[in-house]
């Protein structure tokens, strides 16, 4: 599932590592803090 809890900075870093923008992270990874 793309819905998960995580550190927003780590989520952004992870998505950028996959060649995605942080907006992709917010919309798909659904990073919601801890």
PDB file of N, CA and C in Angstrom:
ATOM      1  N   UNK A   1       0.837  -1.202   0.000  1.00  0.00           N
ATOM      2  CA  UNK A   1       0.000   0.000   0.000  1.00  0.00           C
ATOM      3  C   UNK A   1       0.870   1.251   0.000  1.00  0.00           C
ATOM      4  N   UNK A   2       0.493   2.280  -0.739  1.00  0.00           N
ATOM      5  CA  UNK A   2       1.278   3.516  -0.752  1.00  0.00           C
ATOM      6  C   UNK A   2       1.045   4.357   0.498  1.00  0.00           C
ATOM      7  N   UNK A   3       0.030   4.017   1.283  1.00  0.00           N
ATOM      8  CA  UNK A   3      -0.264   4.783   2.481  1.00  0.00           C
ATOM      9  C   UNK A   3       0.597   4.277   3.623  1.00  0.00           C
ATOM     10  N   UNK A   4       1.368   5.164   4.197  1.00  0.00           N
ATOM     11  CA  UNK A   4       2.248   4.756   5.277  1.00  0.00           C
ATOM     12  C   UNK A   4       2.669   5.965   6.083  1.00  0.00           C
ATOM     13  N   UNK A   5       3.155   5.712   7.302  1.00  0.00           N
ATOM     14  CA  UNK A   5       3.681   6.784   8.135  1.00  0.00           C
ATOM     15  C   UNK A   5       5.197   6.786   8.029  1.00  0.00           C
ATOM     16  N   UNK A   6       5.791   7.954   8.014  1.00  0.00           N
ATOM     17  CA  UNK A   6       7.234   8.063   7.900  1.00  0.00           C
ATOM     18  C   UNK A   6       7.657   9.491   8.192  1.00  0.00           C
ATOM     19  N   UNK A   7       8.949   9.672   8.290  1.00  0.00           N
ATOM     20  CA  UNK A   7       9.492  11.013   8.435  1.00  0.00           C
ATOM     21  C   UNK A   7       9.394  11.695   7.077  1.00  0.00           C
ATOM     22  N   UNK A   8       8.697  12.844   6.967  1.00  0.00           N
ATOM     23  CA  UNK A   8       8.512  13.496   5.667  1.00  0.00           C
ATOM     24  C   UNK A   8       9.822  13.743   4.931  1.00  0.00           C
ATOM     25  N   UNK A   9      10.873  14.084   5.647  1.00  0.00           N
ATOM     26  CA  UNK A   9      12.152  14.331   4.978  1.00  0.00           C
ATOM     27  C   UNK A   9      12.701  13.040   4.393  1.00  0.00           C
ATOM     28  N   UNK A  10      12.570  11.949   5.143  1.00  0.00           N
ATOM     29  CA  UNK A  10      13.043  10.667   4.635  1.00  0.00           C
ATOM     30  C   UNK A  10      12.235  10.244   3.423  1.00  0.00           C
ATOM     31  N   UNK A  11      10.929  10.503   3.467  1.00  0.00           N
ATOM     32  CA  UNK A  11      10.056  10.150   2.361  1.00  0.00           C
ATOM     33  C   UNK A  11      10.462  10.915   1.115  1.00  0.00           C
ATOM     34  N   UNK A  12      10.691  12.203   1.251  1.00  0.00           N
ATOM     35  CA  UNK A  12      11.092  13.022   0.115  1.00  0.00           C
ATOM     36  C   UNK A  12      12.426  12.547  -0.442  1.00  0.00           C
ATOM     37  N   UNK A  13      13.348  12.225   0.458  1.00  0.00           N
ATOM     38  CA  UNK A  13      14.664  11.762   0.022  1.00  0.00           C
ATOM     39  C   UNK A  13      14.529  10.450  -0.737  1.00  0.00           C
ATOM     40  N   UNK A  14      13.690   9.559  -0.230  1.00  0.00           N
ATOM     41  CA  UNK A  14      13.477   8.269  -0.874  1.00  0.00           C
ATOM     42  C   UNK A  14      12.894   8.447  -2.268  1.00  0.00           C
ATOM     43  N   UNK A  15      11.876   9.300  -2.393  1.00  0.00           N
ATOM     44  CA  UNK A  15      11.238   9.512  -3.689  1.00  0.00           C
ATOM     45  C   UNK A  15      12.188  10.189  -4.660  1.00  0.00           C
ATOM     46  N   UNK A  16      12.990  11.124  -4.168  1.00  0.00           N
ATOM     47  CA  UNK A  16      13.964  11.776  -5.038  1.00  0.00           C
ATOM     48  C   UNK A  16      15.005  10.767  -5.499  1.00  0.00           C
ATOM     49  N   UNK A  17      15.317   9.801  -4.630  1.00  0.00           N
ATOM     50  CA  UNK A  17      16.277   8.767  -4.981  1.00  0.00           C
ATOM     51  C   UNK A  17      15.759   7.884  -6.102  1.00  0.00           C
ATOM     52  N   UNK A  18      14.438   7.814  -6.233  1.00  0.00           N
ATOM     53  CA  UNK A  18      13.827   7.040  -7.297  1.00  0.00           C
ATOM     54  C   UNK A  18      13.556   7.902  -8.530  1.00  0.00           C
ATOM     55  N   UNK A  19      14.003   9.160  -8.476  1.00  0.00           N
ATOM     56  CA  UNK A  19      13.824  10.050  -9.617  1.00  0.00           C
ATOM     57  C   UNK A  19      12.462  10.723  -9.614  1.00  0.00           C
ATOM     58  N   UNK A  20      11.816  10.735  -8.446  1.00  0.00           N
ATOM     59  CA  UNK A  20      10.511  11.372  -8.349  1.00  0.00           C
ATOM     60  C   UNK A  20      10.640  12.700  -7.626  1.00  0.00           C
ATOM     61  N   UNK A  21       9.677  13.598  -7.869  1.00  0.00           N
ATOM     62  CA  UNK A  21       9.675  14.876  -7.169  1.00  0.00           C
ATOM     63  C   UNK A  21       8.980  14.715  -5.823  1.00  0.00           C
ATOM     64  N   UNK A  22       9.166  15.695  -4.945  1.00  0.00           N
ATOM     65  CA  UNK A  22       8.556  15.617  -3.627  1.00  0.00           C
ATOM     66  C   UNK A  22       7.036  15.669  -3.721  1.00  0.00           C
ATOM     67  N   UNK A  23       6.511  16.271  -4.774  1.00  0.00           N
ATOM     68  CA  UNK A  23       5.060  16.302  -4.929  1.00  0.00           C
ATOM     69  C   UNK A  23       4.544  14.903  -5.203  1.00  0.00           C
ATOM     70  N   UNK A  24       5.335  14.116  -5.914  1.00  0.00           N
ATOM     71  CA  UNK A  24       4.986  12.709  -6.138  1.00  0.00           C
ATOM     72  C   UNK A  24       4.942  11.993  -4.797  1.00  0.00           C
ATOM     73  N   UNK A  25       5.919  12.317  -3.962  1.00  0.00           N
ATOM     74  CA  UNK A  25       5.974  11.722  -2.631  1.00  0.00           C
ATOM     75  C   UNK A  25       4.706  12.031  -1.859  1.00  0.00           C
ATOM     76  N   UNK A  26       4.291  13.272  -1.858  1.00  0.00           N
ATOM     77  CA  UNK A  26       3.118  13.689  -1.101  1.00  0.00           C
ATOM     78  C   UNK A  26       1.850  13.031  -1.627  1.00  0.00           C
ATOM     79  N   UNK A  27       1.765  12.867  -2.950  1.00  0.00           N
ATOM     80  CA  UNK A  27       0.540  12.366  -3.547  1.00  0.00           C
ATOM     81  C   UNK A  27       0.472  10.850  -3.550  1.00  0.00           C
ATOM     82  N   UNK A  28       1.617  10.184  -3.704  1.00  0.00           N
ATOM     83  CA  UNK A  28       1.616   8.740  -3.867  1.00  0.00           C
ATOM     84  C   UNK A  28       2.083   8.016  -2.611  1.00  0.00           C
ATOM     85  N   UNK A  29       3.192   8.491  -2.029  1.00  0.00           N
ATOM     86  CA  UNK A  29       3.695   7.838  -0.833  1.00  0.00           C
ATOM     87  C   UNK A  29       2.834   8.178   0.376  1.00  0.00           C
ATOM     88  N   UNK A  30       2.120   9.308   0.299  1.00  0.00           N
ATOM     89  CA  UNK A  30       1.239   9.731   1.382  1.00  0.00           C
ATOM     90  C   UNK A  30       1.982   9.805   2.708  1.00  0.00           C
ATOM     91  N   UNK A  31       3.110  10.465   2.680  1.00  0.00           N
ATOM     92  CA  UNK A  31       3.890  10.613   3.896  1.00  0.00           C
ATOM     93  C   UNK A  31       3.128  11.502   4.872  1.00  0.00           C
ATOM     94  N   UNK A  32       2.892  10.988   6.073  1.00  0.00           N
ATOM     95  CA  UNK A  32       2.018  11.687   7.018  1.00  0.00           C
ATOM     96  C   UNK A  32       2.699  11.960   8.349  1.00  0.00           C
ATOM     97  N   UNK A  33       4.003  12.114   8.333  1.00  0.00           N
ATOM     98  CA  UNK A  33       4.702  12.306   9.585  1.00  0.00           C
ATOM     99  C   UNK A  33       4.921  10.976  10.281  1.00  0.00           C
ATOM    100  N   UNK A  34       5.250  11.016  11.555  1.00  0.00           N
ATOM    101  CA  UNK A  34       5.552   9.767  12.257  1.00  0.00           C
ATOM    102  C   UNK A  34       4.300   8.968  12.501  1.00  0.00           C
TER     103      UNK A  34
END
